[in-house]
Amino acid sequence: MADGKPTTTTSPEPETEGTSEISPPPESATQKETPFSLPPILTNKETTFSPPSSTTISEQTEQLEKLTEFKQLVQEAITNKDLYFSSNSEEPTSEIKSNHEETFADEEKRTRFLKWRIQFLERSIRKLDFRPGGISTIFQVSDLKNSPGPGKRELRLATKQALQLLQDNYPEFVAKQVFINVPWWYLTFYSMMSPFMTQRTKSKFVFASPARTTEALFKYASPEHVPTQYGGLSVDYCDCNSEFTIDDPATVVTVKPTTKQTVEIIINEKCTFVWELRVVGWEVKYSAEYVPNNQSNYTINIQKPKKIAPTDEPVISHSYKINELGKLLLSIDNPTSKKKMLLYRLPSFMGWKNVYLSGGLVSQC
């Protein structure tokens, strides 16, 4: 979309909950790509400003000015850190994000934007795998948090052109287009655009307000693929989280208002046990303890009840050395009047066994 920060991931089939992966913005907009950024508006060929030997001084000066402007756009893209989801662990492509008003100011710049938009989609299409069991559709996310206001005529015109171009030429590639952090005015803006879309195109759109962004993403992407800033567990493949990867699935548990939820993990072997968890929005108390099977031994407090605020670390990682068999209890006390989403995961390579939730079997590995 013209007014959002397009982000992409691929999912197995339309209308089904898939897994998406979130990939990272680049150290260089034309060479090394980095997590969560948009793909370049111009190709390397288009952004090469080396003047031919026959150019005049004035032409060289003009080309130098263009190069300076391009470098400035790259720096803005790195600073703004736009995001996109990717379906594999490759480093994602990067894109230039300039001021919205400048981007759509005239026909030439709108054409430049449309070129970038097609490049972005084509890069995603190249990652599709049409073999049986492969990835055959695209799940795309647009973050509208910093989108310009509804009064921008240039924005409306660019959006209309982009929609028409995409639905006429790429009608079946995108399974779902999810707009997150949608401002109050955007649905009115969308209603103005909808007459220019086919019914099939409109059926692929999902809109989520800031309060429902995480919940909407979890319908289509598993928590381990959603970035931490959107309520998930992905940390952009950095070395700071080497215990977990996107191959370690997360479990989502709803914690009802004014209730305490306990996850019970049965430990069947001696090891150093690690786990990771978060509660979206926090405002809860978290505690952890280990109960040995031998009832003559004491229960060990790993983490005393601690109130976690929304401003604290989004994800908590813990480890405990198991010297005797027993069970690990992870408790979340929700004193608020709102339901909370608890996410937790254990490294898959550890071969953890039965996990119980308040007495009921949740999953088995």
Protein backbone atom coordinates (compact mmCIF):
# COMPACT_ATOMS: atom_id res chain seq x y z
CA MET A 1 0.00 0.00 0.00
CA ALA A 2 1.20 3.49 -0.69
CA ASP A 3 0.66 4.77 2.81
CA GLY A 4 2.06 1.95 4.81
CA LYS A 5 5.30 0.11 5.22
CA PRO A 6 4.79 -3.00 3.09
CA THR A 7 6.11 -6.16 4.58
CA THR A 8 5.84 -9.63 3.08
CA THR A 9 5.89 -13.25 3.99
CA THR A 10 4.69 -16.35 2.26
CA SER A 11 2.13 -18.80 3.60
CA PRO A 12 1.17 -22.30 2.46
CA GLU A 13 -2.40 -21.78 1.37
CA PRO A 14 -4.93 -18.91 1.35
CA GLU A 15 -7.45 -18.67 4.15
CA THR A 16 -5.50 -21.00 6.42
CA GLU A 17 -3.31 -20.25 9.32
CA GLY A 18 0.24 -20.56 8.17
CA THR A 19 3.60 -19.79 9.43
CA SER A 20 5.40 -16.75 8.29
CA GLU A 21 8.76 -15.71 8.97
CA ILE A 22 10.09 -12.41 9.62
CA SER A 23 13.22 -11.34 7.98
CA PRO A 24 15.28 -8.19 8.67
CA PRO A 25 16.69 -3.65 6.79
CA PRO A 26 20.22 -3.64 5.20
CA GLU A 27 23.60 -2.18 6.00
CA SER A 28 23.61 -1.07 2.41
CA ALA A 29 20.50 -0.48 0.34
CA THR A 30 22.13 -1.85 -2.78
CA GLN A 31 24.42 -4.60 -1.49
CA LYS A 32 24.13 -6.26 1.92
CA GLU A 33 20.56 -6.61 3.11
CA THR A 34 19.52 -6.39 6.74
CA PRO A 35 16.36 -7.29 8.72
CA PHE A 36 13.02 -5.61 8.41
CA SER A 37 13.28 -3.11 5.66
CA LEU A 38 11.71 -2.44 2.30
CA PRO A 39 13.28 -3.40 -1.08
CA PRO A 40 15.12 -0.70 -3.11
CA ILE A 41 13.03 1.71 -5.15
CA LEU A 42 15.70 1.68 -7.83
CA THR A 43 17.70 -1.24 -9.12
CA ASN A 44 21.45 -1.27 -9.00
CA LYS A 45 21.48 -0.40 -12.68
CA GLU A 46 19.18 2.56 -12.13
CA THR A 47 21.22 3.84 -9.22
CA THR A 48 24.56 3.79 -10.99
CA PHE A 49 25.57 7.37 -11.59
CA SER A 50 29.02 6.89 -13.14
CA PRO A 51 29.17 9.49 -15.95
CA PRO A 52 30.48 8.50 -19.37
CA SER A 53 33.76 10.04 -20.38
CA SER A 54 32.03 12.38 -22.81
CA THR A 55 29.80 14.07 -20.23
CA THR A 56 30.10 17.77 -19.62
CA ILE A 57 30.90 19.36 -16.26
CA SER A 58 27.26 20.41 -15.81
CA GLU A 59 26.07 16.84 -16.45
CA GLN A 60 28.57 15.49 -13.95
CA THR A 61 27.38 18.05 -11.39
CA GLU A 62 23.76 17.00 -11.93
CA GLN A 63 24.65 13.34 -11.55
CA LEU A 64 26.59 14.07 -8.37
CA GLU A 65 23.52 15.82 -6.93
CA LYS A 66 21.38 12.78 -7.75
CA LEU A 67 23.89 10.51 -6.08
CA THR A 68 23.89 12.69 -2.97
CA GLU A 69 20.09 12.59 -2.88
CA PHE A 70 20.12 8.82 -3.26
CA LYS A 71 22.58 8.40 -0.37
CA GLN A 72 20.31 10.54 1.79
CA LEU A 73 17.33 8.30 0.96
CA VAL A 74 19.34 5.22 1.89
CA GLN A 75 20.28 6.74 5.24
CA GLU A 76 16.61 7.56 5.94
CA ALA A 77 15.65 3.98 5.13
CA ILE A 78 18.22 2.62 7.58
CA THR A 79 17.16 5.08 10.28
CA ASN A 80 13.43 4.37 9.89
CA LYS A 81 13.96 0.57 9.91
CA ASP A 82 10.92 -0.43 7.91
CA LEU A 83 9.96 -4.08 8.33
CA TYR A 84 8.86 -7.00 6.25
CA PHE A 85 8.15 -10.64 6.94
CA SER A 86 9.93 -13.34 4.95
CA SER A 87 9.25 -17.04 4.76
CA ASN A 88 12.82 -18.23 5.17
CA SER A 89 15.96 -17.38 7.06
CA GLU A 90 17.59 -15.48 4.22
CA GLU A 91 18.49 -11.91 4.92
CA PRO A 92 15.70 -9.79 3.43
CA THR A 93 15.97 -7.15 0.83
CA SER A 94 15.99 -3.49 1.70
CA GLU A 95 14.03 -0.55 0.43
CA ILE A 96 14.27 3.17 0.44
CA LYS A 97 11.65 5.01 2.42
CA SER A 98 11.48 8.74 1.81
CA ASN A 99 9.12 11.41 3.00
CA HIS A 100 5.54 10.50 1.96
CA GLU A 101 4.76 13.94 0.58
CA GLU A 102 7.91 13.91 -1.59
CA THR A 103 7.29 10.34 -2.73
CA PHE A 104 3.87 11.03 -4.23
CA ALA A 105 4.33 14.71 -5.12
CA ASP A 106 4.23 14.34 -8.92
CA GLU A 107 3.70 11.79 -11.66
CA GLU A 108 7.39 10.99 -11.98
CA LYS A 109 7.74 10.17 -8.28
CA ARG A 110 4.52 8.16 -8.25
CA THR A 111 5.89 6.14 -11.17
CA ARG A 112 9.08 5.62 -9.18
CA PHE A 113 7.01 4.38 -6.25
CA LEU A 114 5.09 1.95 -8.48
CA LYS A 115 8.36 0.57 -9.84
CA TRP A 116 9.52 -0.07 -6.28
CA ARG A 117 6.18 -1.69 -5.43
CA ILE A 118 6.46 -4.12 -8.33
CA GLN A 119 10.08 -4.89 -7.43
CA PHE A 120 8.97 -5.67 -3.89
CA LEU A 121 6.30 -8.09 -5.09
CA GLU A 122 8.55 -9.71 -7.69
CA ARG A 123 11.19 -10.45 -5.05
CA SER A 124 8.55 -12.21 -2.98
CA ILE A 125 7.30 -14.17 -5.99
CA ARG A 126 10.80 -15.49 -6.65
CA LYS A 127 10.72 -17.14 -3.21
CA LEU A 128 7.57 -19.13 -3.95
CA ASP A 129 7.82 -22.89 -4.32
CA PHE A 130 5.06 -24.40 -6.44
CA ARG A 131 6.01 -28.02 -5.82
CA PRO A 132 3.54 -30.18 -3.82
CA GLY A 133 3.72 -29.08 -0.20
CA GLY A 134 5.61 -25.93 -1.15
CA ILE A 135 4.74 -22.28 -0.63
CA SER A 136 2.45 -21.00 -3.36
CA THR A 137 0.94 -17.78 -2.04
CA ILE A 138 2.08 -14.59 -0.34
CA PHE A 139 0.98 -13.22 3.02
CA GLN A 140 1.68 -9.49 3.12
CA VAL A 141 1.60 -7.09 6.07
CA SER A 142 1.45 -3.29 5.88
CA ASP A 143 2.11 -1.28 9.03
CA LEU A 144 0.11 1.96 8.90
CA LYS A 145 1.40 3.35 12.18
CA ASN A 146 3.20 6.29 10.58
CA SER A 147 1.10 6.68 7.45
CA PRO A 148 0.21 10.24 6.36
CA GLY A 149 -3.19 11.76 7.10
CA PRO A 150 -6.36 11.31 5.01
CA GLY A 151 -6.12 14.71 3.34
CA LYS A 152 -3.26 13.81 0.98
CA ARG A 153 -4.63 13.79 -2.57
CA GLU A 154 -1.30 12.50 -3.90
CA LEU A 155 -1.49 9.53 -1.54
CA ARG A 156 -5.00 8.62 -2.69
CA LEU A 157 -3.94 8.81 -6.33
CA ALA A 158 -0.84 6.66 -5.79
CA THR A 159 -2.86 4.10 -3.82
CA LYS A 160 -5.47 3.87 -6.56
CA GLN A 161 -2.78 3.36 -9.22
CA ALA A 162 -1.01 0.70 -7.14
CA LEU A 163 -4.22 -1.23 -6.44
CA GLN A 164 -5.23 -1.22 -10.09
CA LEU A 165 -1.80 -2.33 -11.24
CA LEU A 166 -1.51 -5.15 -8.69
CA GLN A 167 -4.99 -6.61 -9.07
CA ASP A 168 -4.80 -6.54 -12.89
CA ASN A 169 -1.38 -8.19 -13.13
CA TYR A 170 -0.93 -10.17 -9.89
CA PRO A 171 -4.47 -11.23 -8.98
CA GLU A 172 -3.78 -14.61 -7.37
CA PHE A 173 -0.37 -14.29 -5.71
CA VAL A 174 -1.41 -12.61 -2.45
CA ALA A 175 -3.50 -14.81 -0.16
CA LYS A 176 -4.01 -12.15 2.52
CA GLN A 177 -3.12 -8.49 2.82
CA VAL A 178 -3.17 -7.54 6.50
CA PHE A 179 -3.08 -3.89 7.55
CA ILE A 180 -1.94 -3.41 11.14
CA ASN A 181 -1.93 -0.37 13.45
CA VAL A 182 -4.76 1.00 11.32
CA PRO A 183 -5.67 4.60 12.31
CA TRP A 184 -9.30 5.57 12.80
CA TRP A 185 -9.57 7.45 9.50
CA TYR A 186 -8.18 4.67 7.31
CA LEU A 187 -11.39 2.70 6.85
CA THR A 188 -13.04 5.82 5.41
CA PHE A 189 -10.08 6.20 3.09
CA TYR A 190 -10.39 2.53 2.16
CA SER A 191 -14.10 2.91 1.36
CA MET A 192 -13.13 5.55 -1.20
CA MET A 193 -10.70 3.11 -2.82
CA SER A 194 -12.90 0.00 -2.71
CA PRO A 195 -14.98 0.84 -5.82
CA PHE A 196 -11.79 0.47 -7.84
CA MET A 197 -11.17 -3.09 -6.56
CA THR A 198 -12.69 -6.40 -7.51
CA GLN A 199 -14.69 -8.31 -4.90
CA ARG A 200 -12.01 -11.01 -4.83
CA THR A 201 -9.32 -8.43 -4.08
CA LYS A 202 -11.38 -6.88 -1.27
CA SER A 203 -11.96 -10.32 0.30
CA LYS A 204 -8.22 -10.66 0.85
CA PHE A 205 -7.94 -7.53 3.02
CA VAL A 206 -7.80 -7.65 6.83
CA PHE A 207 -7.71 -4.51 9.01
CA ALA A 208 -6.50 -4.42 12.62
CA SER A 209 -6.43 -1.48 15.01
CA PRO A 210 -3.33 -0.97 17.21
CA ALA A 211 -5.07 -2.81 20.07
CA ARG A 212 -5.78 -5.87 17.90
CA THR A 213 -2.61 -5.96 15.79
CA THR A 214 -0.94 -8.90 17.58
CA GLU A 215 -4.12 -10.95 17.68
CA ALA A 216 -4.66 -10.41 13.93
CA LEU A 217 -1.10 -11.43 13.05
CA PHE A 218 -1.34 -14.63 15.10
CA LYS A 219 -4.26 -15.76 12.94
CA TYR A 220 -1.91 -16.04 9.98
CA ALA A 221 1.62 -16.26 11.42
CA SER A 222 2.94 -18.28 14.35
CA PRO A 223 4.48 -16.26 17.24
CA GLU A 224 8.04 -17.41 16.54
CA HIS A 225 7.84 -15.68 13.14
CA VAL A 226 6.33 -12.41 14.37
CA PRO A 227 8.82 -9.69 15.47
CA THR A 228 8.89 -8.75 19.14
CA GLN A 229 7.70 -5.22 18.35
CA TYR A 230 4.47 -6.73 17.04
CA GLY A 231 3.93 -9.03 20.02
CA GLY A 232 5.81 -12.12 18.82
CA LEU A 233 9.11 -13.79 19.70
CA SER A 234 11.30 -13.17 16.67
CA VAL A 235 14.39 -11.07 17.37
CA ASP A 236 15.66 -10.58 13.83
CA TYR A 237 18.02 -13.56 13.88
CA CYS A 238 20.53 -11.81 16.10
CA ASP A 239 23.24 -13.65 18.05
CA CYS A 240 21.71 -12.52 21.35
CA ASN A 241 19.10 -15.29 21.19
CA SER A 242 21.10 -18.32 20.14
CA GLU A 243 19.02 -20.75 22.25
CA PHE A 244 15.98 -20.36 20.01
CA THR A 245 15.26 -20.23 16.30
CA ILE A 246 12.13 -20.16 14.17
CA ASP A 247 12.26 -23.96 14.22
CA ASP A 248 11.33 -23.88 17.92
CA PRO A 249 7.52 -23.59 17.91
CA ALA A 250 5.77 -21.40 20.45
CA THR A 251 2.56 -22.16 22.32
CA VAL A 252 -0.10 -19.48 22.82
CA VAL A 253 -2.25 -19.61 25.96
CA THR A 254 -5.08 -17.24 26.85
CA VAL A 255 -4.95 -15.99 30.43
CA LYS A 256 -8.40 -14.89 31.51
CA PRO A 257 -8.98 -11.66 33.48
CA THR A 258 -8.28 -11.83 37.24
CA THR A 259 -7.00 -15.42 37.02
CA LYS A 260 -3.72 -17.25 37.51
CA GLN A 261 -2.54 -19.60 34.76
CA THR A 262 0.11 -22.27 35.35
CA VAL A 263 2.02 -24.20 32.69
CA GLU A 264 3.34 -27.52 33.99
CA ILE A 265 6.32 -29.06 32.17
CA ILE A 266 7.30 -32.64 33.00
CA ILE A 267 11.08 -33.16 33.01
CA ASN A 268 12.15 -36.72 32.18
CA GLU A 269 15.91 -36.31 32.00
CA LYS A 270 18.70 -34.45 33.75
CA CYS A 271 19.86 -31.44 31.77
CA THR A 272 20.12 -27.67 31.76
CA PHE A 273 16.57 -26.74 30.87
CA VAL A 274 15.88 -23.43 29.09
CA TRP A 275 12.64 -21.68 28.23
CA GLU A 276 11.41 -18.38 26.85
CA LEU A 277 8.14 -16.58 27.43
CA ARG A 278 6.31 -13.31 27.13
CA VAL A 279 2.84 -11.95 27.85
CA VAL A 280 1.60 -9.49 25.27
CA GLY A 281 1.19 -6.19 27.08
CA TRP A 282 2.43 -7.74 30.35
CA GLU A 283 0.91 -6.01 33.47
CA VAL A 284 1.02 -9.42 35.14
CA LYS A 285 3.07 -11.28 37.77
CA TYR A 286 5.40 -14.02 36.60
CA SER A 287 6.89 -16.77 38.75
CA ALA A 288 8.71 -20.08 38.16
CA GLU A 289 9.43 -23.02 40.46
CA TYR A 290 10.71 -26.57 40.23
CA VAL A 291 9.01 -29.44 42.06
CA PRO A 292 11.11 -32.67 42.39
CA ASN A 293 9.36 -36.01 42.05
CA ASN A 294 10.81 -37.00 45.42
CA GLN A 295 8.28 -35.45 47.76
CA SER A 296 10.79 -35.36 50.60
CA ASN A 297 12.76 -32.71 48.71
CA TYR A 298 11.88 -29.04 48.78
CA THR A 299 10.26 -27.07 45.99
CA ILE A 300 12.82 -24.69 44.47
CA ASN A 301 11.89 -21.07 43.67
CA ILE A 302 13.53 -20.21 40.36
CA GLN A 303 11.74 -16.89 40.01
CA LYS A 304 9.77 -15.35 42.87
CA PRO A 305 6.53 -13.62 41.82
CA LYS A 306 7.60 -10.53 39.91
CA LYS A 307 5.39 -7.86 38.42
CA ILE A 308 6.32 -7.23 34.78
CA ALA A 309 5.39 -3.86 33.27
CA PRO A 310 4.80 -3.21 29.55
CA THR A 311 8.00 -1.14 29.50
CA ASP A 312 10.14 -4.07 30.68
CA GLU A 313 11.90 -6.51 28.39
CA PRO A 314 9.36 -7.93 25.91
CA VAL A 315 10.74 -11.48 26.17
CA ILE A 316 12.06 -13.30 29.26
CA SER A 317 14.56 -16.15 28.96
CA HIS A 318 15.37 -18.50 31.82
CA SER A 319 17.41 -21.64 32.43
CA TYR A 320 17.67 -24.14 35.28
CA LYS A 321 19.99 -27.09 35.81
CA ILE A 322 17.95 -30.24 36.45
CA ASN A 323 19.69 -32.57 38.94
CA GLU A 324 16.66 -34.73 39.71
CA LEU A 325 13.51 -35.46 37.79
CA GLY A 326 10.36 -33.49 38.48
CA LYS A 327 8.25 -30.75 36.94
CA LEU A 328 8.69 -27.08 36.10
CA LEU A 329 5.81 -24.73 36.92
CA LEU A 330 5.52 -21.40 35.05
CA SER A 331 2.79 -19.17 36.49
CA ILE A 332 1.19 -15.99 35.16
CA ASP A 333 -1.08 -14.05 37.53
CA ASN A 334 -3.31 -11.66 35.60
CA PRO A 335 -4.90 -9.10 37.98
CA THR A 336 -6.31 -6.95 35.17
CA SER A 337 -9.79 -6.94 33.66
CA LYS A 338 -8.40 -7.83 30.23
CA LYS A 339 -7.49 -11.22 28.85
CA LYS A 340 -3.80 -11.73 28.13
CA MET A 341 -1.88 -13.84 25.62
CA LEU A 342 0.94 -15.93 27.11
CA LEU A 343 3.58 -17.17 24.66
CA TYR A 344 6.19 -19.71 25.68
CA ARG A 345 8.55 -22.12 23.96
CA LEU A 346 11.23 -24.69 24.69
CA PRO A 347 14.12 -25.62 22.38
CA SER A 348 12.97 -28.46 20.15
CA PHE A 349 16.39 -30.16 20.23
CA MET A 350 15.96 -30.87 23.95
CA GLY A 351 13.21 -33.38 23.27
CA TRP A 352 10.98 -32.08 26.07
CA LYS A 353 8.12 -34.35 27.01
CA ASN A 354 4.59 -33.83 28.27
CA VAL A 355 3.47 -30.27 28.96
CA TYR A 356 0.39 -29.67 31.08
CA LEU A 357 -1.66 -26.53 31.52
CA SER A 358 -3.59 -26.28 34.76
CA GLY A 359 -3.97 -30.05 34.83
CA GLY A 360 -4.79 -30.52 31.13
CA LEU A 361 -2.45 -31.86 28.46
CA VAL A 362 -1.41 -29.09 26.07
CA SER A 363 1.06 -30.83 23.80
CA GLN A 364 3.43 -33.73 23.58
CA CYS A 365 6.85 -33.88 21.91
